[in-house]
Amino acid sequence: MEIQEIEVVILPDGKVEVRVRGVKGQACLELTAEMEKALGGTILLREMTPEAQEPPTAIDQSDTLSLSQ
């Protein structure tokens, strides 16, 4: 199984960048939806990687991210 990563970078101006690697298809949007909502829900820019155009792979539910406030 390929490694799936979510990298979160907080910039000096307070903006947050979220990068997803190792997830094929549109599944990356599902993985980051709760995080985006927790961060305020305003998306300034969304850049899809070439992996987003590849056929999706199954996501093991034990690998999903859960956030609490």
PDB file of N, CA and C in Angstrom:
ATOM      1  N   MET A   1       0.841  -1.185   0.000  1.00  0.00           N
ATOM      2  CA  MET A   1       0.000   0.000   0.000  1.00  0.00           C
ATOM      3  C   MET A   1       0.881   1.241   0.000  1.00  0.00           C
ATOM      4  N   GLU A   2       0.490   2.209  -0.793  1.00  0.00           N
ATOM      5  CA  GLU A   2       1.219   3.461  -0.882  1.00  0.00           C
ATOM      6  C   GLU A   2       1.009   4.286   0.390  1.00  0.00           C
ATOM      7  N   ILE A   3       2.009   5.035   0.776  1.00  0.00           N
ATOM      8  CA  ILE A   3       1.889   5.911   1.943  1.00  0.00           C
ATOM      9  C   ILE A   3       1.010   7.097   1.586  1.00  0.00           C
ATOM     10  N   GLN A   4       0.063   7.396   2.458  1.00  0.00           N
ATOM     11  CA  GLN A   4      -0.806   8.554   2.283  1.00  0.00           C
ATOM     12  C   GLN A   4      -0.414   9.590   3.324  1.00  0.00           C
ATOM     13  N   GLU A   5      -0.189  10.816   2.867  1.00  0.00           N
ATOM     14  CA  GLU A   5       0.260  11.878   3.768  1.00  0.00           C
ATOM     15  C   GLU A   5      -0.607  13.115   3.621  1.00  0.00           C
ATOM     16  N   ILE A   6      -0.822  13.787   4.738  1.00  0.00           N
ATOM     17  CA  ILE A   6      -1.422  15.115   4.735  1.00  0.00           C
ATOM     18  C   ILE A   6      -0.423  16.022   5.435  1.00  0.00           C
ATOM     19  N   GLU A   7       0.069  17.017   4.722  1.00  0.00           N
ATOM     20  CA  GLU A   7       1.026  17.972   5.279  1.00  0.00           C
ATOM     21  C   GLU A   7       0.299  19.298   5.498  1.00  0.00           C
ATOM     22  N   VAL A   8       0.421  19.837   6.696  1.00  0.00           N
ATOM     23  CA  VAL A   8      -0.202  21.116   7.030  1.00  0.00           C
ATOM     24  C   VAL A   8       0.912  22.118   7.319  1.00  0.00           C
ATOM     25  N   VAL A   9       0.889  23.238   6.594  1.00  0.00           N
ATOM     26  CA  VAL A   9       1.897  24.285   6.765  1.00  0.00           C
ATOM     27  C   VAL A   9       1.173  25.566   7.170  1.00  0.00           C
ATOM     28  N   ILE A  10       1.583  26.146   8.295  1.00  0.00           N
ATOM     29  CA  ILE A  10       1.036  27.424   8.741  1.00  0.00           C
ATOM     30  C   ILE A  10       2.048  28.497   8.390  1.00  0.00           C
ATOM     31  N   LEU A  11       1.653  29.392   7.517  1.00  0.00           N
ATOM     32  CA  LEU A  11       2.547  30.449   7.036  1.00  0.00           C
ATOM     33  C   LEU A  11       2.614  31.599   8.040  1.00  0.00           C
ATOM     34  N   PRO A  12       3.658  32.425   7.964  1.00  0.00           N
ATOM     35  CA  PRO A  12       3.804  33.538   8.903  1.00  0.00           C
ATOM     36  C   PRO A  12       2.610  34.502   8.917  1.00  0.00           C
ATOM     37  N   ASP A  13       1.902  34.615   7.790  1.00  0.00           N
ATOM     38  CA  ASP A  13       0.743  35.515   7.754  1.00  0.00           C
ATOM     39  C   ASP A  13      -0.535  34.859   8.282  1.00  0.00           C
ATOM     40  N   GLY A  14      -0.425  33.618   8.773  1.00  0.00           N
ATOM     41  CA  GLY A  14      -1.564  32.915   9.350  1.00  0.00           C
ATOM     42  C   GLY A  14      -2.327  32.041   8.371  1.00  0.00           C
ATOM     43  N   LYS A  15      -2.029  32.142   7.086  1.00  0.00           N
ATOM     44  CA  LYS A  15      -2.683  31.279   6.109  1.00  0.00           C
ATOM     45  C   LYS A  15      -2.186  29.853   6.298  1.00  0.00           C
ATOM     46  N   VAL A  16      -3.031  28.910   5.948  1.00  0.00           N
ATOM     47  CA  VAL A  16      -2.707  27.499   6.117  1.00  0.00           C
ATOM     48  C   VAL A  16      -2.715  26.818   4.759  1.00  0.00           C
ATOM     49  N   GLU A  17      -1.672  26.043   4.478  1.00  0.00           N
ATOM     50  CA  GLU A  17      -1.607  25.235   3.271  1.00  0.00           C
ATOM     51  C   GLU A  17      -1.739  23.777   3.672  1.00  0.00           C
ATOM     52  N   VAL A  18      -2.580  23.046   2.961  1.00  0.00           N
ATOM     53  CA  VAL A  18      -2.763  21.618   3.208  1.00  0.00           C
ATOM     54  C   VAL A  18      -2.391  20.897   1.922  1.00  0.00           C
ATOM     55  N   ARG A  19      -1.447  19.970   2.030  1.00  0.00           N
ATOM     56  CA  ARG A  19      -1.000  19.211   0.861  1.00  0.00           C
ATOM     57  C   ARG A  19      -1.261  17.732   1.117  1.00  0.00           C
ATOM     58  N   VAL A  20      -1.823  17.071   0.119  1.00  0.00           N
ATOM     59  CA  VAL A  20      -2.127  15.641   0.226  1.00  0.00           C
ATOM     60  C   VAL A  20      -1.277  14.897  -0.786  1.00  0.00           C
ATOM     61  N   ARG A  21      -0.651  13.817  -0.332  1.00  0.00           N
ATOM     62  CA  ARG A  21       0.171  12.986  -1.223  1.00  0.00           C
ATOM     63  C   ARG A  21      -0.234  11.525  -1.050  1.00  0.00           C
ATOM     64  N   GLY A  22      -0.126  10.771  -2.132  1.00  0.00           N
ATOM     65  CA  GLY A  22      -0.382   9.338  -2.071  1.00  0.00           C
ATOM     66  C   GLY A  22      -1.853   8.961  -2.126  1.00  0.00           C
ATOM     67  N   VAL A  23      -2.717   9.915  -2.461  1.00  0.00           N
ATOM     68  CA  VAL A  23      -4.154   9.644  -2.570  1.00  0.00           C
ATOM     69  C   VAL A  23      -4.556   9.920  -4.012  1.00  0.00           C
ATOM     70  N   LYS A  24      -5.122   8.931  -4.659  1.00  0.00           N
ATOM     71  CA  LYS A  24      -5.487   9.069  -6.066  1.00  0.00           C
ATOM     72  C   LYS A  24      -6.956   9.453  -6.195  1.00  0.00           C
ATOM     73  N   GLY A  25      -7.287  10.140  -7.282  1.00  0.00           N
ATOM     74  CA  GLY A  25      -8.666  10.550  -7.531  1.00  0.00           C
ATOM     75  C   GLY A  25      -9.067  11.707  -6.619  1.00  0.00           C
ATOM     76  N   GLN A  26     -10.375  11.895  -6.503  1.00  0.00           N
ATOM     77  CA  GLN A  26     -10.911  13.005  -5.719  1.00  0.00           C
ATOM     78  C   GLN A  26     -10.998  12.692  -4.218  1.00  0.00           C
ATOM     79  N   ALA A  27     -10.504  11.540  -3.792  1.00  0.00           N
ATOM     80  CA  ALA A  27     -10.564  11.151  -2.384  1.00  0.00           C
ATOM     81  C   ALA A  27      -9.847  12.148  -1.481  1.00  0.00           C
ATOM     82  N   CYS A  28      -8.899  12.887  -2.022  1.00  0.00           N
ATOM     83  CA  CYS A  28      -8.173  13.874  -1.220  1.00  0.00           C
ATOM     84  C   CYS A  28      -9.135  14.932  -0.677  1.00  0.00           C
ATOM     85  N   LEU A  29     -10.177  15.252  -1.442  1.00  0.00           N
ATOM     86  CA  LEU A  29     -11.150  16.253  -0.995  1.00  0.00           C
ATOM     87  C   LEU A  29     -11.923  15.749   0.215  1.00  0.00           C
ATOM     88  N   GLU A  30     -12.245  14.457   0.221  1.00  0.00           N
ATOM     89  CA  GLU A  30     -12.938  13.861   1.360  1.00  0.00           C
ATOM     90  C   GLU A  30     -12.040  13.845   2.598  1.00  0.00           C
ATOM     91  N   LEU A  31     -10.762  13.563   2.384  1.00  0.00           N
ATOM     92  CA  LEU A  31      -9.827  13.492   3.509  1.00  0.00           C
ATOM     93  C   LEU A  31      -9.627  14.841   4.191  1.00  0.00           C
ATOM     94  N   THR A  32      -9.694  15.909   3.432  1.00  0.00           N
ATOM     95  CA  THR A  32      -9.403  17.231   3.992  1.00  0.00           C
ATOM     96  C   THR A  32     -10.647  18.043   4.346  1.00  0.00           C
ATOM     97  N   ALA A  33     -11.835  17.547   4.020  1.00  0.00           N
ATOM     98  CA  ALA A  33     -13.069  18.325   4.222  1.00  0.00           C
ATOM     99  C   ALA A  33     -13.257  18.771   5.671  1.00  0.00           C
ATOM    100  N   GLU A  34     -13.111  17.881   6.623  1.00  0.00           N
ATOM    101  CA  GLU A  34     -13.304  18.242   8.034  1.00  0.00           C
ATOM    102  C   GLU A  34     -12.230  19.215   8.516  1.00  0.00           C
ATOM    103  N   MET A  35     -11.008  19.019   8.041  1.00  0.00           N
ATOM    104  CA  MET A  35      -9.923  19.923   8.413  1.00  0.00           C
ATOM    105  C   MET A  35     -10.196  21.322   7.867  1.00  0.00           C
ATOM    106  N   GLU A  36     -10.645  21.398   6.622  1.00  0.00           N
ATOM    107  CA  GLU A  36     -10.966  22.691   6.023  1.00  0.00           C
ATOM    108  C   GLU A  36     -12.066  23.395   6.810  1.00  0.00           C
ATOM    109  N   LYS A  37     -13.079  22.637   7.204  1.00  0.00           N
ATOM    110  CA  LYS A  37     -14.179  23.203   7.979  1.00  0.00           C
ATOM    111  C   LYS A  37     -13.674  23.710   9.335  1.00  0.00           C
ATOM    112  N   ALA A  38     -12.813  22.931   9.994  1.00  0.00           N
ATOM    113  CA  ALA A  38     -12.272  23.314  11.302  1.00  0.00           C
ATOM    114  C   ALA A  38     -11.394  24.562  11.209  1.00  0.00           C
ATOM    115  N   LEU A  39     -10.786  24.774  10.050  1.00  0.00           N
ATOM    116  CA  LEU A  39      -9.907  25.928   9.850  1.00  0.00           C
ATOM    117  C   LEU A  39     -10.659  27.168   9.367  1.00  0.00           C
ATOM    118  N   GLY A  40     -11.966  27.083   9.279  1.00  0.00           N
ATOM    119  CA  GLY A  40     -12.750  28.242   8.884  1.00  0.00           C
ATOM    120  C   GLY A  40     -13.512  28.075   7.589  1.00  0.00           C
ATOM    121  N   GLY A  41     -13.159  27.069   6.809  1.00  0.00           N
ATOM    122  CA  GLY A  41     -13.915  26.747   5.616  1.00  0.00           C
ATOM    123  C   GLY A  41     -13.694  27.621   4.399  1.00  0.00           C
ATOM    124  N   THR A  42     -12.884  28.658   4.493  1.00  0.00           N
ATOM    125  CA  THR A  42     -12.647  29.530   3.347  1.00  0.00           C
ATOM    126  C   THR A  42     -11.422  29.029   2.580  1.00  0.00           C
ATOM    127  N   ILE A  43     -11.642  28.645   1.329  1.00  0.00           N
ATOM    128  CA  ILE A  43     -10.551  28.157   0.479  1.00  0.00           C
ATOM    129  C   ILE A  43     -10.166  29.285  -0.471  1.00  0.00           C
ATOM    130  N   LEU A  44      -8.931  29.760  -0.371  1.00  0.00           N
ATOM    131  CA  LEU A  44      -8.465  30.829  -1.256  1.00  0.00           C
ATOM    132  C   LEU A  44      -8.008  30.280  -2.596  1.00  0.00           C
ATOM    133  N   LEU A  45      -7.411  29.094  -2.571  1.00  0.00           N
ATOM    134  CA  LEU A  45      -6.876  28.501  -3.790  1.00  0.00           C
ATOM    135  C   LEU A  45      -6.818  26.995  -3.603  1.00  0.00           C
ATOM    136  N   ARG A  46      -7.297  26.255  -4.597  1.00  0.00           N
ATOM    137  CA  ARG A  46      -7.192  24.792  -4.555  1.00  0.00           C
ATOM    138  C   ARG A  46      -6.486  24.364  -5.830  1.00  0.00           C
ATOM    139  N   GLU A  47      -5.343  23.727  -5.661  1.00  0.00           N
ATOM    140  CA  GLU A  47      -4.577  23.215  -6.792  1.00  0.00           C
ATOM    141  C   GLU A  47      -4.565  21.702  -6.701  1.00  0.00           C
ATOM    142  N   MET A  48      -5.118  21.053  -7.698  1.00  0.00           N
ATOM    143  CA  MET A  48      -5.150  19.594  -7.718  1.00  0.00           C
ATOM    144  C   MET A  48      -3.841  19.070  -8.318  1.00  0.00           C
ATOM    145  N   THR A  49      -3.325  18.010  -7.740  1.00  0.00           N
ATOM    146  CA  THR A  49      -2.094  17.390  -8.231  1.00  0.00           C
ATOM    147  C   THR A  49      -2.428  16.415  -9.348  1.00  0.00           C
ATOM    148  N   PRO A  50      -1.438  15.954 -10.084  1.00  0.00           N
ATOM    149  CA  PRO A  50      -1.688  14.938 -11.114  1.00  0.00           C
ATOM    150  C   PRO A  50      -2.331  13.670 -10.545  1.00  0.00           C
ATOM    151  N   GLU A  51      -2.069  13.359  -9.270  1.00  0.00           N
ATOM    152  CA  GLU A  51      -2.679  12.182  -8.642  1.00  0.00           C
ATOM    153  C   GLU A  51      -4.204  12.274  -8.630  1.00  0.00           C
ATOM    154  N   ALA A  52      -4.749  13.481  -8.605  1.00  0.00           N
ATOM    155  CA  ALA A  52      -6.201  13.654  -8.589  1.00  0.00           C
ATOM    156  C   ALA A  52      -6.839  13.166  -9.886  1.00  0.00           C
ATOM    157  N   GLN A  53      -6.062  13.066 -10.955  1.00  0.00           N
ATOM    158  CA  GLN A  53      -6.578  12.601 -12.243  1.00  0.00           C
ATOM    159  C   GLN A  53      -6.492  11.091 -12.403  1.00  0.00           C
ATOM    160  N   GLU A  54      -5.807  10.425 -11.467  1.00  0.00           N
ATOM    161  CA  GLU A  54      -5.632   8.974 -11.549  1.00  0.00           C
ATOM    162  C   GLU A  54      -6.849   8.264 -10.962  1.00  0.00           C
ATOM    163  N   PRO A  55      -7.068   7.009 -11.357  1.00  0.00           N
ATOM    164  CA  PRO A  55      -8.183   6.252 -10.773  1.00  0.00           C
ATOM    165  C   PRO A  55      -8.019   6.158  -9.252  1.00  0.00           C
ATOM    166  N   PRO A  56      -9.121   6.302  -8.509  1.00  0.00           N
ATOM    167  CA  PRO A  56      -9.032   6.290  -7.046  1.00  0.00           C
ATOM    168  C   PRO A  56      -8.631   4.927  -6.502  1.00  0.00           C
ATOM    169  N   THR A  57      -8.037   4.971  -5.328  1.00  0.00           N
ATOM    170  CA  THR A  57      -7.713   3.749  -4.604  1.00  0.00           C
ATOM    171  C   THR A  57      -8.621   3.696  -3.389  1.00  0.00           C
ATOM    172  N   ALA A  58      -8.850   2.518  -2.894  1.00  0.00           N
ATOM    173  CA  ALA A  58      -9.717   2.364  -1.722  1.00  0.00           C
ATOM    174  C   ALA A  58      -9.046   2.974  -0.509  1.00  0.00           C
ATOM    175  N   ILE A  59      -9.840   3.616   0.338  1.00  0.00           N
ATOM    176  CA  ILE A  59      -9.325   4.222   1.566  1.00  0.00           C
ATOM    177  C   ILE A  59      -9.766   3.364   2.733  1.00  0.00           C
ATOM    178  N   ASP A  60      -8.812   2.915   3.511  1.00  0.00           N
ATOM    179  CA  ASP A  60      -9.114   2.160   4.719  1.00  0.00           C
ATOM    180  C   ASP A  60      -9.627   3.140   5.770  1.00  0.00           C
ATOM    181  N   GLN A  61     -10.791   2.887   6.317  1.00  0.00           N
ATOM    182  CA  GLN A  61     -11.382   3.814   7.277  1.00  0.00           C
ATOM    183  C   GLN A  61     -10.491   4.048   8.492  1.00  0.00           C
ATOM    184  N   SER A  62      -9.618   3.109   8.820  1.00  0.00           N
ATOM    185  CA  SER A  62      -8.721   3.299   9.965  1.00  0.00           C
ATOM    186  C   SER A  62      -7.657   4.344   9.674  1.00  0.00           C
ATOM    187  N   ASP A  63      -7.494   4.705   8.390  1.00  0.00           N
ATOM    188  CA  ASP A  63      -6.479   5.677   7.994  1.00  0.00           C
ATOM    189  C   ASP A  63      -7.026   7.103   7.920  1.00  0.00           C
ATOM    190  N   THR A  64      -8.322   7.310   8.175  1.00  0.00           N
ATOM    191  CA  THR A  64      -8.882   8.639   8.025  1.00  0.00           C
ATOM    192  C   THR A  64      -8.517   9.517   9.206  1.00  0.00           C
ATOM    193  N   LEU A  65      -8.535  10.803   8.961  1.00  0.00           N
ATOM    194  CA  LEU A  65      -8.165  11.812   9.959  1.00  0.00           C
ATOM    195  C   LEU A  65      -9.400  12.284  10.682  1.00  0.00           C
ATOM    196  N   SER A  66      -9.326  12.415  11.993  1.00  0.00           N
ATOM    197  CA  SER A  66     -10.461  12.969  12.720  1.00  0.00           C
ATOM    198  C   SER A  66      -9.975  14.114  13.572  1.00  0.00           C
ATOM    199  N   LEU A  67     -10.738  15.202  13.531  1.00  0.00           N
ATOM    200  CA  LEU A  67     -10.376  16.412  14.262  1.00  0.00           C
ATOM    201  C   LEU A  67     -11.423  16.687  15.323  1.00  0.00           C
ATOM    202  N   SER A  68     -11.003  17.233  16.436  1.00  0.00           N
ATOM    203  CA  SER A  68     -11.958  17.687  17.443  1.00  0.00           C
ATOM    204  C   SER A  68     -11.515  19.050  17.934  1.00  0.00           C
ATOM    205  N   GLN A  69     -12.490  19.834  18.368  1.00  0.00           N
ATOM    206  CA  GLN A  69     -12.158  21.186  18.825  1.00  0.00           C
ATOM    207  C   GLN A  69     -12.284  21.268  20.315  1.00  0.00           C
TER     208      GLN A  69
END
